[in-house]
Amino acid sequence: RELLQQLLDIIFDEMPADRGTIFLRDPRSAKLWPMASKKRNENAPTDKIMGSKTIIKEVLETKEGVLTRDAMEDARFQMGLSIAQQQIHAALCVPLVGRNEEILGIIHLDTTRSDRVFNEDHLRLTTAIAMQAALAVENAILVQELGDKKRIEQELTIASNIQMQLLPKSLPKAQGVELYGMMIPAKEVGGDYYDFVIPEGTNKLYICIGDVSGKGVPAGL
């Protein structure tokens, strides 16, 4: 979030934007979530969604930047209700495209004043910023996933150790019977269990075997 907010600060220093929002795409649901936003006039009323859904949809479908000098008069977007509701005049929207041509997010800029417009230079600059931002976002996601993976591996190791502690530490000696036992889980944690029980003062041997259907943590639990 801090990086994205810094990007908006840089953009506002170089462009006539009144409002700007950077959305990131949730890889699981494919939904866009606003992660950073900025207004030139901080006293302006807050909008629930800072950005035109119509323009954003166009960028998502084409994977290319969109520039309009007057969105209200642009024939491409005249059906967009969010454009009229948010009083969007000029608008500029570019995608954050990852290494595998996957859209990671969107940079959306607009103006609410008719005397402020974007041009092709603004589009090229924002596109260049988006390329760098996409690399940074992708790297941040990889670092987070690596951290999550390491944490999961540590938790699985702990669960595996706990499970092994439940198994017999040593094999009992029973008259006339040779006892052996081993458990090798298919994954870090399995759903199998065994134990030997010889009640004190008796010559009886009880063998307990548990075999849960499935593999991994659910079977282990």
Protein backbone atom coordinates (compact mmCIF):
# COMPACT_ATOMS: atom_id res chain seq x y z
CA ARG A 1 0.00 0.00 0.00
CA GLU A 2 2.83 2.39 0.82
CA LEU A 3 4.47 1.81 -2.56
CA LEU A 4 1.20 2.35 -4.44
CA GLN A 5 0.50 5.54 -2.52
CA GLN A 6 3.97 6.82 -3.43
CA LEU A 7 3.24 6.07 -7.10
CA LEU A 8 0.09 8.19 -6.94
CA ASP A 9 2.08 11.04 -5.38
CA ILE A 10 4.54 10.90 -8.29
CA ILE A 11 1.71 10.79 -10.83
CA PHE A 12 -0.04 13.79 -9.28
CA ASP A 13 3.20 15.77 -9.44
CA GLU A 14 3.43 15.23 -13.20
CA MET A 15 -0.20 15.14 -14.35
CA PRO A 16 -3.37 17.24 -14.09
CA ALA A 17 -5.32 14.48 -12.32
CA ASP A 18 -7.96 15.45 -9.75
CA ARG A 19 -8.49 11.89 -8.55
CA GLY A 20 -6.55 8.69 -8.80
CA THR A 21 -7.00 5.11 -7.65
CA ILE A 22 -4.82 2.03 -7.98
CA PHE A 23 -6.73 -1.24 -7.93
CA LEU A 24 -5.16 -4.67 -7.44
CA ARG A 25 -6.75 -7.85 -8.69
CA ASP A 26 -7.48 -10.69 -6.29
CA PRO A 27 -6.09 -13.79 -8.07
CA ARG A 28 -8.68 -16.02 -6.39
CA SER A 29 -11.86 -14.08 -7.13
CA ALA A 30 -10.53 -11.93 -10.03
CA LYS A 31 -12.15 -8.91 -8.36
CA LEU A 32 -10.48 -5.52 -8.28
CA TRP A 33 -9.90 -3.92 -4.89
CA PRO A 34 -8.88 -0.27 -4.37
CA MET A 35 -5.50 -0.32 -2.61
CA ALA A 36 -4.48 3.36 -2.85
CA SER A 37 -6.32 6.55 -3.72
CA LYS A 38 -5.58 10.25 -3.88
CA LYS A 39 -7.48 13.49 -4.48
CA ARG A 40 -6.02 16.83 -5.39
CA ASN A 41 -8.71 18.54 -3.34
CA GLU A 42 -8.80 16.66 -0.05
CA ASN A 43 -11.97 18.52 0.96
CA ALA A 44 -13.91 17.12 -1.98
CA PRO A 45 -16.75 14.72 -1.07
CA THR A 46 -15.73 11.09 -0.91
CA ASP A 47 -16.99 8.74 -3.60
CA LYS A 48 -17.58 5.09 -2.83
CA ILE A 49 -15.76 4.02 -6.00
CA MET A 50 -13.21 6.37 -7.52
CA GLY A 51 -13.14 5.17 -11.10
CA SER A 52 -15.35 4.41 -14.07
CA LYS A 53 -16.42 0.78 -14.24
CA THR A 54 -17.03 1.22 -17.99
CA ILE A 55 -13.48 2.43 -18.67
CA ILE A 56 -11.95 -0.16 -16.35
CA LYS A 57 -13.86 -2.92 -18.15
CA GLU A 58 -12.46 -1.70 -21.47
CA VAL A 59 -8.90 -1.85 -20.12
CA LEU A 60 -9.39 -5.33 -18.63
CA GLU A 61 -10.71 -6.66 -21.94
CA THR A 62 -8.08 -5.09 -24.19
CA LYS A 63 -5.11 -5.05 -21.76
CA GLU A 64 -4.30 -1.63 -23.20
CA GLY A 65 -4.41 1.88 -21.78
CA VAL A 66 -7.41 4.11 -22.40
CA LEU A 67 -7.27 7.88 -22.83
CA THR A 68 -10.34 10.08 -23.18
CA ARG A 69 -10.28 13.87 -23.16
CA ASP A 70 -13.97 14.08 -22.25
CA ALA A 71 -15.57 10.85 -21.05
CA MET A 72 -19.05 12.39 -20.97
CA GLU A 73 -18.88 13.16 -24.69
CA ASP A 74 -16.89 10.10 -25.71
CA ALA A 75 -19.09 7.77 -27.77
CA ARG A 76 -17.29 4.74 -26.33
CA PHE A 77 -18.46 5.46 -22.79
CA GLN A 78 -21.75 7.33 -23.05
CA MET A 79 -23.63 4.40 -21.50
CA GLY A 80 -21.44 4.48 -18.40
CA LEU A 81 -23.49 5.58 -15.37
CA SER A 82 -20.42 5.93 -13.13
CA ILE A 83 -18.96 8.51 -15.51
CA ALA A 84 -21.97 10.80 -15.12
CA GLN A 85 -22.41 10.12 -11.41
CA GLN A 86 -18.78 10.97 -10.63
CA GLN A 87 -18.65 13.90 -13.06
CA ILE A 88 -15.68 12.44 -14.89
CA HIS A 89 -14.38 14.61 -17.72
CA ALA A 90 -10.90 13.57 -18.85
CA ALA A 91 -9.85 10.06 -17.83
CA LEU A 92 -6.76 7.91 -18.18
CA CYS A 93 -6.63 4.22 -17.26
CA VAL A 94 -3.79 1.73 -17.76
CA PRO A 95 -3.31 -1.89 -16.70
CA LEU A 96 -0.60 -3.34 -14.47
CA VAL A 97 0.49 -6.32 -16.57
CA GLY A 98 2.66 -9.06 -15.07
CA ARG A 99 5.33 -11.24 -16.63
CA ASN A 100 2.81 -13.78 -17.91
CA GLU A 101 0.59 -11.11 -19.50
CA GLU A 102 -1.70 -11.40 -16.49
CA ILE A 103 -3.40 -8.21 -15.32
CA LEU A 104 -2.39 -7.54 -11.73
CA GLY A 105 -4.28 -4.28 -11.35
CA ILE A 106 -5.35 -0.94 -12.79
CA ILE A 107 -4.25 2.68 -12.48
CA HIS A 108 -7.26 4.97 -12.96
CA LEU A 109 -6.93 8.76 -13.17
CA ASP A 110 -9.58 11.34 -13.94
CA THR A 111 -10.42 15.01 -13.76
CA THR A 112 -13.62 16.70 -12.66
CA ARG A 113 -12.81 19.99 -14.39
CA SER A 114 -13.26 20.54 -18.11
CA ASP A 115 -10.14 22.73 -18.32
CA ARG A 116 -7.88 19.81 -17.30
CA VAL A 117 -7.15 17.17 -19.92
CA PHE A 118 -4.77 14.29 -20.46
CA ASN A 119 -2.68 13.85 -23.60
CA GLU A 120 -0.63 11.12 -25.26
CA ASP A 121 2.46 12.04 -23.25
CA HIS A 122 0.50 11.49 -20.04
CA LEU A 123 -0.63 8.10 -21.34
CA ARG A 124 2.93 7.05 -22.21
CA LEU A 125 4.26 8.19 -18.84
CA THR A 126 1.51 6.41 -16.89
CA THR A 127 2.07 3.25 -18.95
CA ALA A 128 5.78 3.35 -18.12
CA ILE A 129 4.99 3.83 -14.42
CA ALA A 130 2.51 0.94 -14.60
CA MET A 131 5.17 -1.36 -16.06
CA GLN A 132 7.52 -0.65 -13.17
CA ALA A 133 4.69 -0.88 -10.65
CA ALA A 134 3.65 -4.27 -12.03
CA LEU A 135 7.15 -5.65 -11.46
CA ALA A 136 7.19 -4.32 -7.90
CA VAL A 137 3.71 -5.69 -7.16
CA GLU A 138 4.57 -9.08 -8.63
CA ASN A 139 7.75 -9.28 -6.56
CA ALA A 140 5.83 -8.29 -3.42
CA ILE A 141 3.26 -11.04 -4.11
CA LEU A 142 6.03 -13.62 -4.59
CA VAL A 143 7.71 -12.60 -1.32
CA GLN A 144 4.39 -12.87 0.50
CA GLU A 145 3.63 -16.27 -1.02
CA LEU A 146 7.12 -17.47 -0.07
CA GLY A 147 6.56 -16.31 3.50
CA ASP A 148 3.16 -18.02 3.63
CA LYS A 149 4.65 -21.22 2.22
CA LYS A 150 7.44 -21.21 4.81
CA ARG A 151 4.94 -20.63 7.62
CA ILE A 152 2.75 -23.50 6.39
CA GLU A 153 5.77 -25.80 6.17
CA GLN A 154 6.74 -24.92 9.74
CA GLU A 155 3.20 -25.60 10.97
CA LEU A 156 3.14 -28.94 9.14
CA THR A 157 6.47 -29.87 10.69
CA ILE A 158 5.11 -29.10 14.16
CA ALA A 159 1.93 -31.11 13.43
CA SER A 160 4.02 -34.02 12.15
CA ASN A 161 6.18 -33.97 15.29
CA ILE A 162 3.09 -33.95 17.51
CA GLN A 163 1.64 -36.86 15.58
CA MET A 164 4.85 -38.88 15.89
CA GLN A 165 4.86 -38.24 19.64
CA LEU A 166 1.54 -40.10 19.84
CA LEU A 167 3.08 -43.28 18.46
CA PRO A 168 4.81 -45.84 20.72
CA LYS A 169 8.27 -44.74 21.83
CA SER A 170 9.38 -48.37 22.16
CA LEU A 171 7.96 -51.75 21.24
CA PRO A 172 6.70 -53.87 24.14
CA LYS A 173 7.83 -57.42 24.69
CA ALA A 174 5.10 -60.04 24.54
CA GLN A 175 5.68 -63.76 25.06
CA GLY A 176 5.57 -65.72 21.83
CA VAL A 177 5.04 -62.66 19.61
CA GLU A 178 7.49 -60.47 17.69
CA LEU A 179 6.21 -56.90 17.39
CA TYR A 180 7.12 -54.33 14.81
CA GLY A 181 5.47 -51.01 13.94
CA MET A 182 6.13 -48.18 11.50
CA MET A 183 4.14 -45.33 10.03
CA ILE A 184 5.25 -43.50 6.87
CA PRO A 185 2.74 -40.77 5.95
CA ALA A 186 2.18 -39.99 2.27
CA LYS A 187 2.43 -36.30 3.14
CA GLU A 188 3.88 -34.33 6.04
CA VAL A 189 0.91 -35.30 8.18
CA GLY A 190 -1.10 -38.48 7.72
CA GLY A 191 -4.27 -40.07 9.01
CA ASP A 192 -2.83 -43.31 10.38
CA TYR A 193 -2.15 -44.38 13.95
CA TYR A 194 -1.07 -47.50 15.82
CA ASP A 195 -0.31 -48.53 19.37
CA PHE A 196 0.38 -51.58 21.48
CA VAL A 197 -1.12 -52.01 24.93
CA ILE A 198 -0.25 -54.68 27.49
CA PRO A 199 -2.28 -54.19 30.69
CA GLU A 200 -0.19 -54.61 33.84
CA GLY A 201 -0.48 -57.94 35.57
CA THR A 202 -1.81 -59.72 32.48
CA ASN A 203 -0.37 -61.64 29.55
CA LYS A 204 -2.79 -60.03 27.11
CA LEU A 205 -1.71 -57.88 24.17
CA TYR A 206 -3.99 -55.30 22.56
CA ILE A 207 -3.15 -53.83 19.17
CA CYS A 208 -4.76 -50.56 18.10
CA ILE A 209 -4.70 -49.51 14.44
CA GLY A 210 -6.34 -46.40 13.04
CA ASP A 211 -6.63 -45.74 9.31
CA VAL A 212 -8.46 -42.55 8.40
CA SER A 213 -9.56 -42.07 4.81
CA GLY A 214 -7.74 -39.29 3.00
CA LYS A 215 -4.31 -37.72 3.33
CA GLY A 216 -2.68 -34.66 4.80
CA VAL A 217 -3.86 -32.33 7.53
CA PRO A 218 -7.65 -33.10 7.33
CA ALA A 219 -6.99 -36.83 7.77
CA GLY A 220 -4.46 -36.12 10.52
CA LEU A 221 -6.96 -34.01 12.44
